[in-house]
Amino acid sequence: MEQEPRSLRFAQFSDTHVRCDERYFRNVDSKAALKKAVGMVPGDIDFLVHTGDLISRPADPCSYDAYAALIAAAPCPVWHIPGNHDDPRLMAEHVPGCDTEYPWSFLLHGVRFIGVDSSTGNIDGAQIERLRVLLQSAEPCVLFVHHHICAMKDSWLNQFALENAGALCGVVNAAGTRVLGIIHGHIHHQAQFGCAGVPVFSTPALSAQFDPYGAFLATTQEPPAFTEFEVSPDLQELRARVHHVEESHQTGGK
């Protein structure tokens, strides 16, 4: 009997803000949230990508070691890109698999996955040119970046958006291939936007969630969470499903 086409599935973690000490990140035990989330990743998933802010500022080797020890239990290959709280050099030294040139790229089940480094707040010209070349491939693509690229009406988060979002969207718009989606973290909030006709997905944080329309740096009572994505068997659509990590949200503060 002929089997049905297989869906490609991957998980996205973001903004874990792990610390090696016992302090919480905005009232959330981020180490406990990460440990719980790793245990929730389905064993048959294809891979996991962390879209930045692995640890909290100041970036330090101890916190990267703590993060690396927790993510090592993941049941699948793990890819990373740095966020604005990260130090890419320390990441490369302390987190396995992070000693790489950006954008990294790999092909899996007919889909190309690409991760860029926006840790400085923009994507440098050399990465933009390499991305332009990668997007000339024949395969459908999924692009990962830390910073958000779409403005949110009347939100305090807009001041922290990707500085050269127009350049990124321009490359995507000029691509000769199908870009199934752009996936980011950074805003600690789940939403869906659009860039050059391409779906843009933001994921909740595996730490505290921001209120984009509240006061500056306002957070909500929503628990830590991560997103599971599925590429449809015909490679035409990207679908998202959020998983909440209820036990790690704290009402007190440390």
C-alpha atoms as a PDB file:
ATOM      1  CA  MET A   1       0.000   0.000   0.000  1.00  0.00           C
ATOM      2  CA  GLU A   2       1.310   3.444  -0.915  1.00  0.00           C
ATOM      3  CA  GLN A   3       1.982   5.605   2.132  1.00  0.00           C
ATOM      4  CA  GLU A   4       0.605   9.119   2.460  1.00  0.00           C
ATOM      5  CA  PRO A   5       3.125  11.953   1.976  1.00  0.00           C
ATOM      6  CA  ARG A   6       4.998  12.753   5.180  1.00  0.00           C
ATOM      7  CA  SER A   7       4.639  16.150   6.863  1.00  0.00           C
ATOM      8  CA  LEU A   8       7.832  17.881   7.970  1.00  0.00           C
ATOM      9  CA  ARG A   9       7.655  19.113  11.582  1.00  0.00           C
ATOM     10  CA  PHE A  10       9.977  21.238  13.661  1.00  0.00           C
ATOM     11  CA  ALA A  11       9.855  23.118  16.966  1.00  0.00           C
ATOM     12  CA  GLN A  12      10.892  26.696  17.684  1.00  0.00           C
ATOM     13  CA  PHE A  13      12.208  27.840  21.057  1.00  0.00           C
ATOM     14  CA  SER A  14      13.023  31.491  21.638  1.00  0.00           C
ATOM     15  CA  ASP A  15      13.991  33.967  24.344  1.00  0.00           C
ATOM     16  CA  THR A  16      14.788  31.431  27.054  1.00  0.00           C
ATOM     17  CA  HIS A  17      16.957  33.980  28.919  1.00  0.00           C
ATOM     18  CA  VAL A  18      18.662  31.264  30.959  1.00  0.00           C
ATOM     19  CA  ARG A  19      20.839  32.319  33.896  1.00  0.00           C
ATOM     20  CA  CYS A  20      23.353  30.173  35.739  1.00  0.00           C
ATOM     21  CA  ASP A  21      22.344  31.709  39.083  1.00  0.00           C
ATOM     22  CA  GLU A  22      18.996  31.306  40.839  1.00  0.00           C
ATOM     23  CA  ARG A  23      17.483  34.610  39.720  1.00  0.00           C
ATOM     24  CA  TYR A  24      14.314  34.515  37.633  1.00  0.00           C
ATOM     25  CA  PHE A  25      13.727  36.381  34.385  1.00  0.00           C
ATOM     26  CA  ARG A  26      10.791  38.736  34.998  1.00  0.00           C
ATOM     27  CA  ASN A  27       9.238  36.368  37.566  1.00  0.00           C
ATOM     28  CA  VAL A  28       9.707  33.260  35.419  1.00  0.00           C
ATOM     29  CA  ASP A  29      12.020  30.378  36.271  1.00  0.00           C
ATOM     30  CA  SER A  30      13.516  30.197  32.789  1.00  0.00           C
ATOM     31  CA  LYS A  31      15.664  27.134  33.488  1.00  0.00           C
ATOM     32  CA  ALA A  32      12.635  25.181  34.683  1.00  0.00           C
ATOM     33  CA  ALA A  33      10.656  26.363  31.648  1.00  0.00           C
ATOM     34  CA  LEU A  34      13.384  25.211  29.255  1.00  0.00           C
ATOM     35  CA  LYS A  35      13.743  21.834  30.970  1.00  0.00           C
ATOM     36  CA  LYS A  36       9.988  21.275  30.799  1.00  0.00           C
ATOM     37  CA  ALA A  37       9.781  22.406  27.167  1.00  0.00           C
ATOM     38  CA  VAL A  38      12.579  20.054  26.099  1.00  0.00           C
ATOM     39  CA  GLY A  39      10.611  17.207  27.665  1.00  0.00           C
ATOM     40  CA  MET A  40       7.506  18.252  25.719  1.00  0.00           C
ATOM     41  CA  VAL A  41       9.169  18.118  22.281  1.00  0.00           C
ATOM     42  CA  PRO A  42       7.705  15.148  20.378  1.00  0.00           C
ATOM     43  CA  GLY A  43      10.208  12.362  19.847  1.00  0.00           C
ATOM     44  CA  ASP A  44       9.412  12.108  16.140  1.00  0.00           C
ATOM     45  CA  ILE A  45       9.959  15.789  15.329  1.00  0.00           C
ATOM     46  CA  ASP A  46      12.565  16.551  12.668  1.00  0.00           C
ATOM     47  CA  PHE A  47      14.549  19.295  14.393  1.00  0.00           C
ATOM     48  CA  LEU A  48      14.415  22.202  16.830  1.00  0.00           C
ATOM     49  CA  VAL A  49      15.584  25.768  16.210  1.00  0.00           C
ATOM     50  CA  HIS A  50      16.251  28.360  18.904  1.00  0.00           C
ATOM     51  CA  THR A  51      15.761  31.867  17.526  1.00  0.00           C
ATOM     52  CA  GLY A  52      17.926  33.753  19.978  1.00  0.00           C
ATOM     53  CA  ASP A  53      18.318  35.240  23.449  1.00  0.00           C
ATOM     54  CA  LEU A  54      19.488  31.924  24.796  1.00  0.00           C
ATOM     55  CA  ILE A  55      20.624  33.701  27.967  1.00  0.00           C
ATOM     56  CA  SER A  56      20.187  37.042  29.718  1.00  0.00           C
ATOM     57  CA  ARG A  57      22.543  39.974  29.823  1.00  0.00           C
ATOM     58  CA  PRO A  58      25.329  40.204  30.541  1.00  0.00           C
ATOM     59  CA  ALA A  59      26.258  37.278  28.306  1.00  0.00           C
ATOM     60  CA  ASP A  60      28.566  34.962  30.241  1.00  0.00           C
ATOM     61  CA  PRO A  61      30.100  31.487  29.790  1.00  0.00           C
ATOM     62  CA  CYS A  62      28.399  30.087  32.897  1.00  0.00           C
ATOM     63  CA  SER A  63      24.904  30.842  31.597  1.00  0.00           C
ATOM     64  CA  TYR A  64      25.716  29.375  28.171  1.00  0.00           C
ATOM     65  CA  ASP A  65      26.990  26.228  29.898  1.00  0.00           C
ATOM     66  CA  ALA A  66      23.721  26.020  31.871  1.00  0.00           C
ATOM     67  CA  TYR A  67      21.717  26.432  28.676  1.00  0.00           C
ATOM     68  CA  ALA A  68      23.795  23.857  26.791  1.00  0.00           C
ATOM     69  CA  ALA A  69      23.310  21.279  29.548  1.00  0.00           C
ATOM     70  CA  LEU A  70      19.522  21.671  29.381  1.00  0.00           C
ATOM     71  CA  ILE A  71      19.144  21.710  25.583  1.00  0.00           C
ATOM     72  CA  ALA A  72      21.350  18.597  25.290  1.00  0.00           C
ATOM     73  CA  ALA A  73      18.326  16.511  26.313  1.00  0.00           C
ATOM     74  CA  ALA A  74      16.391  17.486  23.165  1.00  0.00           C
ATOM     75  CA  PRO A  75      15.281  14.404  21.185  1.00  0.00           C
ATOM     76  CA  CYS A  76      16.328  15.872  17.821  1.00  0.00           C
ATOM     77  CA  PRO A  77      19.009  18.008  16.132  1.00  0.00           C
ATOM     78  CA  VAL A  78      19.105  21.604  17.450  1.00  0.00           C
ATOM     79  CA  TRP A  79      20.009  24.727  15.446  1.00  0.00           C
ATOM     80  CA  HIS A  80      20.602  28.203  16.875  1.00  0.00           C
ATOM     81  CA  ILE A  81      20.754  31.829  15.856  1.00  0.00           C
ATOM     82  CA  PRO A  82      21.835  34.597  18.266  1.00  0.00           C
ATOM     83  CA  GLY A  83      19.608  37.327  19.677  1.00  0.00           C
ATOM     84  CA  ASN A  84      20.399  40.783  20.988  1.00  0.00           C
ATOM     85  CA  HIS A  85      21.101  39.379  24.476  1.00  0.00           C
ATOM     86  CA  ASP A  86      23.609  36.897  23.068  1.00  0.00           C
ATOM     87  CA  ASP A  87      27.325  37.034  22.381  1.00  0.00           C
ATOM     88  CA  PRO A  88      27.882  34.998  19.187  1.00  0.00           C
ATOM     89  CA  ARG A  89      31.527  34.367  20.117  1.00  0.00           C
ATOM     90  CA  LEU A  90      30.599  32.895  23.503  1.00  0.00           C
ATOM     91  CA  MET A  91      27.784  30.923  21.897  1.00  0.00           C
ATOM     92  CA  ALA A  92      30.261  29.373  19.475  1.00  0.00           C
ATOM     93  CA  GLU A  93      32.593  28.444  22.326  1.00  0.00           C
ATOM     94  CA  HIS A  94      30.037  27.039  24.772  1.00  0.00           C
ATOM     95  CA  VAL A  95      26.993  25.773  22.839  1.00  0.00           C
ATOM     96  CA  PRO A  96      27.517  22.781  20.516  1.00  0.00           C
ATOM     97  CA  GLY A  97      26.738  23.503  16.891  1.00  0.00           C
ATOM     98  CA  CYS A  98      26.991  27.297  17.177  1.00  0.00           C
ATOM     99  CA  ASP A  99      30.477  27.536  15.659  1.00  0.00           C
ATOM    100  CA  THR A 100      29.121  28.381  12.222  1.00  0.00           C
ATOM    101  CA  GLU A 101      28.951  31.095   9.592  1.00  0.00           C
ATOM    102  CA  TYR A 102      25.688  32.967   9.178  1.00  0.00           C
ATOM    103  CA  PRO A 103      23.399  32.555   7.456  1.00  0.00           C
ATOM    104  CA  TRP A 104      23.525  28.828   7.971  1.00  0.00           C
ATOM    105  CA  SER A 105      21.452  26.676   5.645  1.00  0.00           C
ATOM    106  CA  PHE A 106      20.385  23.054   5.334  1.00  0.00           C
ATOM    107  CA  LEU A 107      18.024  21.077   3.134  1.00  0.00           C
ATOM    108  CA  LEU A 108      15.548  18.624   4.647  1.00  0.00           C
ATOM    109  CA  HIS A 109      12.720  16.726   2.920  1.00  0.00           C
ATOM    110  CA  GLY A 110      12.720  19.160  -0.005  1.00  0.00           C
ATOM    111  CA  VAL A 111      12.690  22.371   2.085  1.00  0.00           C
ATOM    112  CA  ARG A 112      15.646  24.712   2.657  1.00  0.00           C
ATOM    113  CA  PHE A 113      15.974  26.209   6.152  1.00  0.00           C
ATOM    114  CA  ILE A 114      18.063  29.351   6.661  1.00  0.00           C
ATOM    115  CA  GLY A 115      19.130  31.121   9.871  1.00  0.00           C
ATOM    116  CA  VAL A 116      20.584  34.640  10.004  1.00  0.00           C
ATOM    117  CA  ASP A 117      22.377  36.576  12.745  1.00  0.00           C
ATOM    118  CA  SER A 118      20.613  39.818  13.733  1.00  0.00           C
ATOM    119  CA  SER A 119      22.217  40.080  17.178  1.00  0.00           C
ATOM    120  CA  THR A 120      23.475  43.632  16.495  1.00  0.00           C
ATOM    121  CA  GLY A 121      19.980  44.815  15.585  1.00  0.00           C
ATOM    122  CA  ASN A 122      20.483  44.479  11.844  1.00  0.00           C
ATOM    123  CA  ILE A 123      21.618  41.924   9.266  1.00  0.00           C
ATOM    124  CA  ASP A 124      24.962  42.981   7.829  1.00  0.00           C
ATOM    125  CA  GLY A 125      25.534  43.396   4.114  1.00  0.00           C
ATOM    126  CA  ALA A 126      27.600  40.228   3.742  1.00  0.00           C
ATOM    127  CA  GLN A 127      24.771  38.141   5.192  1.00  0.00           C
ATOM    128  CA  ILE A 128      22.220  39.878   2.981  1.00  0.00           C
ATOM    129  CA  GLU A 129      24.265  38.953  -0.112  1.00  0.00           C
ATOM    130  CA  ARG A 130      24.688  35.331   0.988  1.00  0.00           C
ATOM    131  CA  LEU A 131      20.958  35.200   1.735  1.00  0.00           C
ATOM    132  CA  ARG A 132      20.216  36.534  -1.736  1.00  0.00           C
ATOM    133  CA  VAL A 133      22.191  33.639  -3.220  1.00  0.00           C
ATOM    134  CA  LEU A 134      20.577  31.035  -0.969  1.00  0.00           C
ATOM    135  CA  LEU A 135      17.099  32.235  -1.919  1.00  0.00           C
ATOM    136  CA  GLN A 136      17.855  31.573  -5.577  1.00  0.00           C
ATOM    137  CA  SER A 137      17.613  27.840  -4.885  1.00  0.00           C
ATOM    138  CA  ALA A 138      14.804  25.840  -6.431  1.00  0.00           C
ATOM    139  CA  GLU A 139      13.438  24.579  -3.120  1.00  0.00           C
ATOM    140  CA  PRO A 140      10.813  26.257  -0.942  1.00  0.00           C
ATOM    141  CA  CYS A 141      12.492  27.999   1.990  1.00  0.00           C
ATOM    142  CA  VAL A 142      11.866  28.893   5.633  1.00  0.00           C
ATOM    143  CA  LEU A 143      13.846  31.788   7.111  1.00  0.00           C
ATOM    144  CA  PHE A 144      14.718  32.288  10.807  1.00  0.00           C
ATOM    145  CA  VAL A 145      15.704  35.639  12.353  1.00  0.00           C
ATOM    146  CA  HIS A 146      15.657  36.859  15.945  1.00  0.00           C
ATOM    147  CA  HIS A 147      14.288  40.393  15.563  1.00  0.00           C
ATOM    148  CA  HIS A 148      10.790  41.242  14.408  1.00  0.00           C
ATOM    149  CA  ILE A 149      10.472  42.889  11.027  1.00  0.00           C
ATOM    150  CA  CYS A 150       6.853  44.078  10.962  1.00  0.00           C
ATOM    151  CA  ALA A 151       5.633  47.139  12.841  1.00  0.00           C
ATOM    152  CA  MET A 152       2.876  46.668  15.419  1.00  0.00           C
ATOM    153  CA  LYS A 153       0.460  49.590  15.566  1.00  0.00           C
ATOM    154  CA  ASP A 154       1.022  51.821  18.614  1.00  0.00           C
ATOM    155  CA  SER A 155       3.335  49.307  20.273  1.00  0.00           C
ATOM    156  CA  TRP A 156       6.399  50.173  22.353  1.00  0.00           C
ATOM    157  CA  LEU A 157       8.085  47.147  20.780  1.00  0.00           C
ATOM    158  CA  ASN A 158       8.498  48.930  17.428  1.00  0.00           C
ATOM    159  CA  GLN A 159      11.613  50.744  18.652  1.00  0.00           C
ATOM    160  CA  PHE A 160      13.347  47.369  18.981  1.00  0.00           C
ATOM    161  CA  ALA A 161      12.516  46.034  15.492  1.00  0.00           C
ATOM    162  CA  LEU A 162      15.136  44.931  12.966  1.00  0.00           C
ATOM    163  CA  GLU A 163      16.854  48.104  11.785  1.00  0.00           C
ATOM    164  CA  ASN A 164      17.170  47.032   8.152  1.00  0.00           C
ATOM    165  CA  ALA A 165      13.914  45.108   7.851  1.00  0.00           C
ATOM    166  CA  GLY A 166      13.379  46.726   4.445  1.00  0.00           C
ATOM    167  CA  ALA A 167      16.555  45.138   3.101  1.00  0.00           C
ATOM    168  CA  LEU A 168      15.480  41.711   4.343  1.00  0.00           C
ATOM    169  CA  CYS A 169      11.993  42.044   2.862  1.00  0.00           C
ATOM    170  CA  GLY A 170      13.525  43.273  -0.390  1.00  0.00           C
ATOM    171  CA  VAL A 171      15.653  40.147  -0.710  1.00  0.00           C
ATOM    172  CA  VAL A 172      12.658  37.964   0.106  1.00  0.00           C
ATOM    173  CA  ASN A 173      10.527  39.817  -2.432  1.00  0.00           C
ATOM    174  CA  ALA A 174      13.160  39.321  -5.140  1.00  0.00           C
ATOM    175  CA  ALA A 175      13.637  35.620  -4.399  1.00  0.00           C
ATOM    176  CA  GLY A 176      13.140  33.265  -7.288  1.00  0.00           C
ATOM    177  CA  THR A 177      11.859  30.583  -4.933  1.00  0.00           C
ATOM    178  CA  ARG A 178       8.878  30.203  -2.647  1.00  0.00           C
ATOM    179  CA  VAL A 179       9.475  31.437   0.903  1.00  0.00           C
ATOM    180  CA  LEU A 180       6.967  29.573   3.058  1.00  0.00           C
ATOM    181  CA  GLY A 181       7.520  31.789   6.070  1.00  0.00           C
ATOM    182  CA  ILE A 182       9.791  34.024   8.122  1.00  0.00           C
ATOM    183  CA  ILE A 183       9.948  32.972  11.782  1.00  0.00           C
ATOM    184  CA  HIS A 184      11.245  35.132  14.634  1.00  0.00           C
ATOM    185  CA  GLY A 185      11.227  35.630  18.391  1.00  0.00           C
ATOM    186  CA  HIS A 186      12.316  38.780  20.271  1.00  0.00           C
ATOM    187  CA  ILE A 187       8.886  40.267  21.032  1.00  0.00           C
ATOM    188  CA  HIS A 188       7.847  37.564  23.558  1.00  0.00           C
ATOM    189  CA  HIS A 189       4.427  37.465  21.920  1.00  0.00           C
ATOM    190  CA  GLN A 190       2.575  35.235  19.469  1.00  0.00           C
ATOM    191  CA  ALA A 191       1.347  36.936  16.315  1.00  0.00           C
ATOM    192  CA  GLN A 192       1.301  36.583  12.524  1.00  0.00           C
ATOM    193  CA  PHE A 193       2.240  39.319  10.068  1.00  0.00           C
ATOM    194  CA  GLY A 194       3.271  39.583   6.420  1.00  0.00           C
ATOM    195  CA  CYS A 195       6.393  40.694   4.517  1.00  0.00           C
ATOM    196  CA  ALA A 196       6.392  40.954   0.718  1.00  0.00           C
ATOM    197  CA  GLY A 197       3.413  38.607   0.655  1.00  0.00           C
ATOM    198  CA  VAL A 198       5.196  36.043   2.865  1.00  0.00           C
ATOM    199  CA  PRO A 199       3.710  34.937   6.226  1.00  0.00           C
ATOM    200  CA  VAL A 200       5.722  36.127   9.222  1.00  0.00           C
ATOM    201  CA  PHE A 201       5.338  34.207  12.498  1.00  0.00           C
ATOM    202  CA  SER A 202       6.406  35.411  15.937  1.00  0.00           C
ATOM    203  CA  THR A 203       6.572  32.930  18.782  1.00  0.00           C
ATOM    204  CA  PRO A 204       5.921  33.320  22.507  1.00  0.00           C
ATOM    205  CA  ALA A 205       8.977  33.314  24.762  1.00  0.00           C
ATOM    206  CA  LEU A 206      10.110  30.401  26.873  1.00  0.00           C
ATOM    207  CA  SER A 207      10.183  32.951  29.686  1.00  0.00           C
ATOM    208  CA  ALA A 208       7.958  35.979  30.381  1.00  0.00           C
ATOM    209  CA  GLN A 209       5.479  37.214  27.746  1.00  0.00           C
ATOM    210  CA  PHE A 210       5.357  40.909  26.846  1.00  0.00           C
ATOM    211  CA  ASP A 211       2.202  42.963  26.459  1.00  0.00           C
ATOM    212  CA  PRO A 212       2.903  44.785  23.163  1.00  0.00           C
ATOM    213  CA  TYR A 213       0.181  47.372  23.771  1.00  0.00           C
ATOM    214  CA  GLY A 214       0.654  47.960  27.488  1.00  0.00           C
ATOM    215  CA  ALA A 215       3.138  50.185  29.280  1.00  0.00           C
ATOM    216  CA  PHE A 216       6.829  50.033  28.383  1.00  0.00           C
ATOM    217  CA  LEU A 217       8.204  46.544  29.188  1.00  0.00           C
ATOM    218  CA  ALA A 218       4.798  45.407  30.467  1.00  0.00           C
ATOM    219  CA  THR A 219       4.346  41.650  30.789  1.00  0.00           C
ATOM    220  CA  THR A 220       1.286  39.416  30.915  1.00  0.00           C
ATOM    221  CA  GLN A 221       0.379  36.408  33.052  1.00  0.00           C
ATOM    222  CA  GLU A 222       0.604  34.039  30.072  1.00  0.00           C
ATOM    223  CA  PRO A 223       2.958  31.111  30.727  1.00  0.00           C
ATOM    224  CA  PRO A 224       6.177  30.297  28.863  1.00  0.00           C
ATOM    225  CA  ALA A 225       5.560  28.637  25.513  1.00  0.00           C
ATOM    226  CA  PHE A 226       7.112  27.366  22.294  1.00  0.00           C
ATOM    227  CA  THR A 227       5.787  26.760  18.796  1.00  0.00           C
ATOM    228  CA  GLU A 228       5.566  23.584  16.733  1.00  0.00           C
ATOM    229  CA  PHE A 229       5.491  24.064  12.959  1.00  0.00           C
ATOM    230  CA  GLU A 230       4.360  21.728  10.225  1.00  0.00           C
ATOM    231  CA  VAL A 231       5.142  22.020   6.535  1.00  0.00           C
ATOM    232  CA  SER A 232       2.259  20.538   4.586  1.00  0.00           C
ATOM    233  CA  PRO A 233       3.031  17.395   2.550  1.00  0.00           C
ATOM    234  CA  ASP A 234       2.701  19.360  -0.696  1.00  0.00           C
ATOM    235  CA  LEU A 235       5.289  21.898   0.584  1.00  0.00           C
ATOM    236  CA  GLN A 236       2.841  24.749   0.043  1.00  0.00           C
ATOM    237  CA  GLU A 237       1.958  25.866   3.568  1.00  0.00           C
ATOM    238  CA  LEU A 238       3.486  26.424   6.992  1.00  0.00           C
ATOM    239  CA  ARG A 239       1.219  25.840  10.015  1.00  0.00           C
ATOM    240  CA  ALA A 240       1.885  26.817  13.632  1.00  0.00           C
ATOM    241  CA  ARG A 241       0.709  25.371  16.945  1.00  0.00           C
ATOM    242  CA  VAL A 242       1.687  26.819  20.343  1.00  0.00           C
ATOM    243  CA  HIS A 243       2.550  24.621  23.349  1.00  0.00           C
ATOM    244  CA  HIS A 244       2.318  26.227  26.797  1.00  0.00           C
ATOM    245  CA  VAL A 245       4.575  25.335  29.719  1.00  0.00           C
ATOM    246  CA  GLU A 246       2.189  26.075  32.548  1.00  0.00           C
ATOM    247  CA  GLU A 247       4.192  24.976  35.576  1.00  0.00           C
ATOM    248  CA  SER A 248       7.067  27.408  35.168  1.00  0.00           C
ATOM    249  CA  HIS A 249       5.201  30.695  35.488  1.00  0.00           C
ATOM    250  CA  GLN A 250       5.734  32.390  38.835  1.00  0.00           C
ATOM    251  CA  THR A 251       3.511  34.926  40.555  1.00  0.00           C
ATOM    252  CA  GLY A 252       6.202  35.934  43.000  1.00  0.00           C
ATOM    253  CA  GLY A 253       9.560  37.443  42.187  1.00  0.00           C
ATOM    254  CA  LYS A 254      13.170  36.470  42.589  1.00  0.00           C
END
